[in-house]
Amino acid sequence: MTDLEYLDRADQLLLAVEQCCDRINDETDADLDAQRVGGMVTLVFANRSQIVINQQKPLHEIWLAAKAGGFHYRFDEDKKVWLDTKGAGEFFANLTQYASEQSGMALEFKALA
């Protein structure tokens, strides 16, 4: 993957996260705040816990930091999804799990259609 392809896919991922936060706030009382600065999105929950998602441009990875730990994701060209580099699953499925755990509510994150 070229640098430009990575940046395009990584920006799509961050945009999807932001749009999911908007949808979640419209449909629930989660009070989820998404703050984006450049290649990083910080999710702040009502209980003040956070999840940080950021681009790692030199490695062509997305990093996610949550209470559950730190995770690295790389885009899989065949499956067209971001997968954990240690085999621990797909980005949006994991974000759904970690955000739900931290917020105490069932939340759903998914890629742009």
N, C-alpha and C. Protein backbone atom coordinates (compact mmCIF):
# COMPACT_ATOMS: atom_id res chain seq x y z
N MET A 1 0.85 -1.17 0.00
CA MET A 1 0.00 0.00 0.00
C MET A 1 0.90 1.24 0.00
N THR A 2 0.54 2.20 -0.83
CA THR A 2 1.31 3.44 -0.88
C THR A 2 0.94 4.33 0.30
N ASP A 3 1.75 5.35 0.54
CA ASP A 3 1.44 6.30 1.62
C ASP A 3 0.08 6.97 1.39
N LEU A 4 -0.20 7.34 0.14
CA LEU A 4 -1.48 8.00 -0.16
C LEU A 4 -2.66 7.06 0.07
N GLU A 5 -2.52 5.80 -0.30
CA GLU A 5 -3.59 4.82 -0.05
C GLU A 5 -3.82 4.65 1.45
N TYR A 6 -2.72 4.56 2.19
CA TYR A 6 -2.84 4.45 3.64
C TYR A 6 -3.58 5.65 4.22
N LEU A 7 -3.16 6.85 3.84
CA LEU A 7 -3.78 8.05 4.38
C LEU A 7 -5.27 8.11 4.05
N ASP A 8 -5.64 7.70 2.84
CA ASP A 8 -7.04 7.70 2.45
C ASP A 8 -7.84 6.72 3.31
N ARG A 9 -7.32 5.50 3.47
CA ARG A 9 -8.02 4.49 4.28
C ARG A 9 -8.07 4.88 5.76
N ALA A 10 -6.98 5.42 6.26
CA ALA A 10 -6.94 5.83 7.66
C ALA A 10 -7.90 6.99 7.92
N ASP A 11 -7.97 7.94 6.99
CA ASP A 11 -8.92 9.05 7.14
C ASP A 11 -10.36 8.54 7.09
N GLN A 12 -10.64 7.57 6.23
CA GLN A 12 -11.98 6.98 6.16
C GLN A 12 -12.35 6.33 7.49
N LEU A 13 -11.38 5.64 8.10
CA LEU A 13 -11.62 5.00 9.39
C LEU A 13 -11.95 6.04 10.46
N LEU A 14 -11.15 7.10 10.54
CA LEU A 14 -11.40 8.12 11.55
C LEU A 14 -12.73 8.83 11.31
N LEU A 15 -13.07 9.09 10.06
CA LEU A 15 -14.36 9.69 9.73
C LEU A 15 -15.50 8.78 10.15
N ALA A 16 -15.36 7.48 9.91
CA ALA A 16 -16.39 6.52 10.31
C ALA A 16 -16.58 6.54 11.82
N VAL A 17 -15.49 6.62 12.57
CA VAL A 17 -15.58 6.68 14.03
C VAL A 17 -16.35 7.93 14.45
N GLU A 18 -16.01 9.07 13.85
CA GLU A 18 -16.71 10.31 14.19
C GLU A 18 -18.20 10.23 13.85
N GLN A 19 -18.52 9.69 12.69
CA GLN A 19 -19.92 9.57 12.29
C GLN A 19 -20.68 8.61 13.20
N CYS A 20 -20.03 7.54 13.63
CA CYS A 20 -20.67 6.62 14.57
C CYS A 20 -20.95 7.32 15.89
N CYS A 21 -20.04 8.15 16.34
CA CYS A 21 -20.27 8.90 17.58
C CYS A 21 -21.48 9.82 17.44
N ASP A 22 -21.59 10.50 16.29
CA ASP A 22 -22.75 11.36 16.05
C ASP A 22 -24.04 10.54 16.09
N ARG A 23 -24.03 9.38 15.42
CA ARG A 23 -25.22 8.52 15.39
C ARG A 23 -25.56 8.03 16.80
N ILE A 24 -24.54 7.59 17.54
CA ILE A 24 -24.75 7.10 18.91
C ILE A 24 -25.37 8.20 19.77
N ASN A 25 -24.87 9.41 19.65
CA ASN A 25 -25.42 10.53 20.45
C ASN A 25 -26.85 10.87 20.04
N ASP A 26 -27.16 10.72 18.76
CA ASP A 26 -28.53 10.98 18.28
C ASP A 26 -29.51 9.91 18.76
N GLU A 27 -29.04 8.66 18.86
CA GLU A 27 -29.93 7.54 19.14
C GLU A 27 -29.96 7.10 20.60
N THR A 28 -28.99 7.53 21.39
CA THR A 28 -28.89 7.09 22.79
C THR A 28 -28.59 8.28 23.69
N ASP A 29 -28.50 8.02 24.98
CA ASP A 29 -28.07 9.07 25.92
C ASP A 29 -26.64 8.79 26.40
N ALA A 30 -25.81 8.28 25.50
CA ALA A 30 -24.44 7.91 25.85
C ALA A 30 -23.57 9.11 26.20
N ASP A 31 -23.88 10.30 25.66
CA ASP A 31 -23.09 11.50 25.90
C ASP A 31 -21.61 11.25 25.58
N LEU A 32 -21.39 10.82 24.35
CA LEU A 32 -20.06 10.47 23.85
C LEU A 32 -19.48 11.65 23.09
N ASP A 33 -18.29 12.08 23.47
CA ASP A 33 -17.64 13.21 22.80
C ASP A 33 -16.47 12.70 21.97
N ALA A 34 -16.46 13.05 20.69
CA ALA A 34 -15.35 12.68 19.80
C ALA A 34 -14.59 13.95 19.45
N GLN A 35 -13.33 13.98 19.83
CA GLN A 35 -12.48 15.14 19.56
C GLN A 35 -11.40 14.73 18.57
N ARG A 36 -11.39 15.38 17.40
CA ARG A 36 -10.38 15.04 16.39
C ARG A 36 -9.37 16.15 16.25
N VAL A 37 -8.11 15.76 16.29
CA VAL A 37 -7.00 16.67 16.04
C VAL A 37 -6.08 15.96 15.06
N GLY A 38 -6.07 16.42 13.82
CA GLY A 38 -5.23 15.80 12.79
C GLY A 38 -5.57 14.33 12.63
N GLY A 39 -4.58 13.48 12.80
CA GLY A 39 -4.75 12.04 12.62
C GLY A 39 -5.09 11.30 13.89
N MET A 40 -5.75 12.00 14.85
CA MET A 40 -6.08 11.36 16.11
C MET A 40 -7.51 11.72 16.51
N VAL A 41 -8.26 10.72 16.98
CA VAL A 41 -9.59 10.94 17.54
C VAL A 41 -9.58 10.43 18.98
N THR A 42 -10.05 11.28 19.88
CA THR A 42 -10.19 10.90 21.28
C THR A 42 -11.67 10.81 21.60
N LEU A 43 -12.09 9.64 22.06
CA LEU A 43 -13.47 9.45 22.50
C LEU A 43 -13.51 9.63 24.01
N VAL A 44 -14.37 10.52 24.46
CA VAL A 44 -14.51 10.78 25.90
C VAL A 44 -15.92 10.40 26.30
N PHE A 45 -16.02 9.49 27.26
CA PHE A 45 -17.30 8.98 27.73
C PHE A 45 -17.80 9.79 28.92
N ALA A 46 -19.08 9.64 29.24
CA ALA A 46 -19.69 10.39 30.34
C ALA A 46 -18.95 10.17 31.66
N ASN A 47 -18.37 8.98 31.84
CA ASN A 47 -17.63 8.68 33.07
C ASN A 47 -16.18 9.18 33.03
N ARG A 48 -15.86 9.96 32.00
CA ARG A 48 -14.55 10.60 31.80
C ARG A 48 -13.46 9.64 31.31
N SER A 49 -13.79 8.37 31.12
CA SER A 49 -12.79 7.46 30.54
C SER A 49 -12.64 7.80 29.06
N GLN A 50 -11.53 7.37 28.47
CA GLN A 50 -11.23 7.73 27.09
C GLN A 50 -10.75 6.54 26.29
N ILE A 51 -10.96 6.64 24.99
CA ILE A 51 -10.32 5.76 24.01
C ILE A 51 -9.65 6.68 23.00
N VAL A 52 -8.40 6.40 22.70
CA VAL A 52 -7.65 7.22 21.75
C VAL A 52 -7.31 6.37 20.52
N ILE A 53 -7.62 6.91 19.35
CA ILE A 53 -7.35 6.24 18.08
C ILE A 53 -6.47 7.17 17.27
N ASN A 54 -5.34 6.67 16.81
CA ASN A 54 -4.48 7.55 16.02
C ASN A 54 -3.75 6.84 14.91
N GLN A 55 -3.43 7.62 13.90
CA GLN A 55 -2.69 7.11 12.74
C GLN A 55 -1.21 6.98 13.11
N GLN A 56 -0.61 5.91 12.64
CA GLN A 56 0.84 5.73 12.73
C GLN A 56 1.35 5.65 11.29
N LYS A 57 1.56 6.82 10.71
CA LYS A 57 1.86 6.93 9.28
C LYS A 57 3.09 6.13 8.85
N PRO A 58 4.21 6.20 9.57
CA PRO A 58 5.39 5.46 9.10
C PRO A 58 5.17 3.95 9.02
N LEU A 59 4.30 3.42 9.89
CA LEU A 59 4.05 1.98 9.95
C LEU A 59 2.81 1.56 9.16
N HIS A 60 2.07 2.54 8.64
CA HIS A 60 0.79 2.27 7.96
C HIS A 60 -0.16 1.51 8.88
N GLU A 61 -0.22 1.95 10.14
CA GLU A 61 -1.08 1.31 11.13
C GLU A 61 -2.01 2.33 11.77
N ILE A 62 -3.04 1.81 12.41
CA ILE A 62 -3.92 2.56 13.29
C ILE A 62 -3.71 2.00 14.69
N TRP A 63 -3.50 2.88 15.64
CA TRP A 63 -3.33 2.44 17.02
C TRP A 63 -4.56 2.84 17.83
N LEU A 64 -4.97 1.95 18.72
CA LEU A 64 -6.12 2.19 19.59
C LEU A 64 -5.69 1.95 21.03
N ALA A 65 -5.93 2.92 21.89
CA ALA A 65 -5.63 2.78 23.31
C ALA A 65 -6.92 2.88 24.09
N ALA A 66 -7.22 1.84 24.88
CA ALA A 66 -8.44 1.77 25.69
C ALA A 66 -8.06 1.21 27.05
N LYS A 67 -9.03 1.16 27.95
CA LYS A 67 -8.76 0.54 29.26
C LYS A 67 -8.30 -0.91 29.09
N ALA A 68 -8.77 -1.56 28.03
CA ALA A 68 -8.42 -2.97 27.77
C ALA A 68 -6.97 -3.13 27.33
N GLY A 69 -6.32 -2.04 26.91
CA GLY A 69 -4.93 -2.11 26.48
C GLY A 69 -4.68 -1.30 25.22
N GLY A 70 -3.50 -1.52 24.65
CA GLY A 70 -3.11 -0.85 23.41
C GLY A 70 -3.09 -1.85 22.27
N PHE A 71 -3.60 -1.45 21.12
CA PHE A 71 -3.75 -2.36 19.98
C PHE A 71 -3.31 -1.69 18.70
N HIS A 72 -2.72 -2.47 17.82
CA HIS A 72 -2.25 -1.98 16.52
C HIS A 72 -3.02 -2.69 15.43
N TYR A 73 -3.45 -1.93 14.42
CA TYR A 73 -4.24 -2.48 13.31
C TYR A 73 -3.58 -2.12 11.99
N ARG A 74 -3.60 -3.08 11.08
CA ARG A 74 -3.07 -2.89 9.73
C ARG A 74 -4.16 -3.28 8.74
N PHE A 75 -4.26 -2.54 7.64
CA PHE A 75 -5.30 -2.81 6.65
C PHE A 75 -5.00 -4.09 5.89
N ASP A 76 -5.98 -4.99 5.82
CA ASP A 76 -5.86 -6.24 5.08
C ASP A 76 -6.48 -6.03 3.70
N GLU A 77 -5.63 -6.04 2.68
CA GLU A 77 -6.07 -5.77 1.30
C GLU A 77 -7.08 -6.80 0.81
N ASP A 78 -6.93 -8.04 1.20
CA ASP A 78 -7.84 -9.09 0.74
C ASP A 78 -9.22 -8.97 1.38
N LYS A 79 -9.24 -8.77 2.69
CA LYS A 79 -10.51 -8.71 3.42
C LYS A 79 -11.11 -7.30 3.46
N LYS A 80 -10.30 -6.31 3.11
CA LYS A 80 -10.73 -4.90 3.09
C LYS A 80 -11.18 -4.41 4.46
N VAL A 81 -10.46 -4.83 5.50
CA VAL A 81 -10.73 -4.40 6.88
C VAL A 81 -9.41 -4.16 7.61
N TRP A 82 -9.49 -3.42 8.70
CA TRP A 82 -8.34 -3.20 9.56
C TRP A 82 -8.29 -4.32 10.60
N LEU A 83 -7.20 -5.08 10.62
CA LEU A 83 -7.06 -6.22 11.53
C LEU A 83 -5.96 -5.99 12.54
N ASP A 84 -6.17 -6.47 13.75
CA ASP A 84 -5.17 -6.40 14.81
C ASP A 84 -3.92 -7.15 14.36
N THR A 85 -2.77 -6.55 14.58
CA THR A 85 -1.51 -7.16 14.11
C THR A 85 -1.14 -8.42 14.89
N LYS A 86 -1.80 -8.66 16.03
CA LYS A 86 -1.52 -9.87 16.82
C LYS A 86 -2.67 -10.87 16.72
N GLY A 87 -3.55 -10.67 15.74
CA GLY A 87 -4.63 -11.62 15.50
C GLY A 87 -5.82 -11.51 16.43
N ALA A 88 -5.97 -10.36 17.09
CA ALA A 88 -7.04 -10.20 18.07
C ALA A 88 -8.32 -9.59 17.50
N GLY A 89 -8.52 -9.64 16.18
CA GLY A 89 -9.79 -9.22 15.63
C GLY A 89 -9.74 -7.98 14.75
N GLU A 90 -10.96 -7.57 14.35
CA GLU A 90 -11.16 -6.46 13.43
C GLU A 90 -11.39 -5.17 14.22
N PHE A 91 -10.92 -4.05 13.69
CA PHE A 91 -10.95 -2.77 14.39
C PHE A 91 -12.34 -2.39 14.91
N PHE A 92 -13.34 -2.33 14.03
CA PHE A 92 -14.66 -1.84 14.45
C PHE A 92 -15.34 -2.79 15.44
N ALA A 93 -15.14 -4.08 15.29
CA ALA A 93 -15.69 -5.03 16.27
C ALA A 93 -15.04 -4.81 17.63
N ASN A 94 -13.73 -4.61 17.63
CA ASN A 94 -13.02 -4.38 18.89
C ASN A 94 -13.40 -3.04 19.51
N LEU A 95 -13.49 -2.00 18.67
CA LEU A 95 -13.89 -0.69 19.20
C LEU A 95 -15.29 -0.77 19.80
N THR A 96 -16.19 -1.49 19.17
CA THR A 96 -17.54 -1.68 19.70
C THR A 96 -17.47 -2.30 21.09
N GLN A 97 -16.66 -3.34 21.23
CA GLN A 97 -16.53 -4.03 22.52
C GLN A 97 -15.92 -3.11 23.58
N TYR A 98 -14.80 -2.47 23.26
CA TYR A 98 -14.11 -1.64 24.26
C TYR A 98 -14.94 -0.42 24.65
N ALA A 99 -15.60 0.22 23.68
CA ALA A 99 -16.43 1.39 23.97
C ALA A 99 -17.64 0.99 24.81
N SER A 100 -18.22 -0.15 24.51
CA SER A 100 -19.37 -0.63 25.29
C SER A 100 -18.95 -0.92 26.73
N GLU A 101 -17.79 -1.56 26.89
CA GLU A 101 -17.29 -1.85 28.24
C GLU A 101 -17.03 -0.56 29.02
N GLN A 102 -16.39 0.41 28.38
CA GLN A 102 -16.03 1.64 29.08
C GLN A 102 -17.23 2.52 29.38
N SER A 103 -18.21 2.51 28.50
CA SER A 103 -19.38 3.38 28.71
C SER A 103 -20.43 2.72 29.59
N GLY A 104 -20.43 1.39 29.67
CA GLY A 104 -21.46 0.67 30.40
C GLY A 104 -22.76 0.57 29.62
N MET A 105 -22.67 0.86 28.31
CA MET A 105 -23.84 0.80 27.42
C MET A 105 -23.47 0.01 26.18
N ALA A 106 -24.46 -0.58 25.53
CA ALA A 106 -24.23 -1.28 24.27
C ALA A 106 -24.10 -0.24 23.16
N LEU A 107 -22.89 -0.08 22.63
CA LEU A 107 -22.63 0.87 21.55
C LEU A 107 -22.18 0.09 20.32
N GLU A 108 -22.42 0.64 19.13
CA GLU A 108 -22.00 -0.04 17.91
C GLU A 108 -21.23 0.92 17.00
N PHE A 109 -20.05 0.46 16.62
CA PHE A 109 -19.21 1.19 15.66
C PHE A 109 -19.05 0.32 14.42
N LYS A 110 -19.09 0.96 13.24
CA LYS A 110 -18.92 0.20 12.00
C LYS A 110 -18.30 1.09 10.93
N ALA A 111 -17.73 0.44 9.94
CA ALA A 111 -17.09 1.15 8.83
C ALA A 111 -18.16 1.84 7.99
N LEU A 112 -17.72 2.84 7.24
CA LEU A 112 -18.62 3.52 6.30
C LEU A 112 -19.06 2.55 5.24
N ALA A 113 -20.31 2.67 4.84
CA ALA A 113 -20.85 1.77 3.80
C ALA A 113 -20.40 2.18 2.41
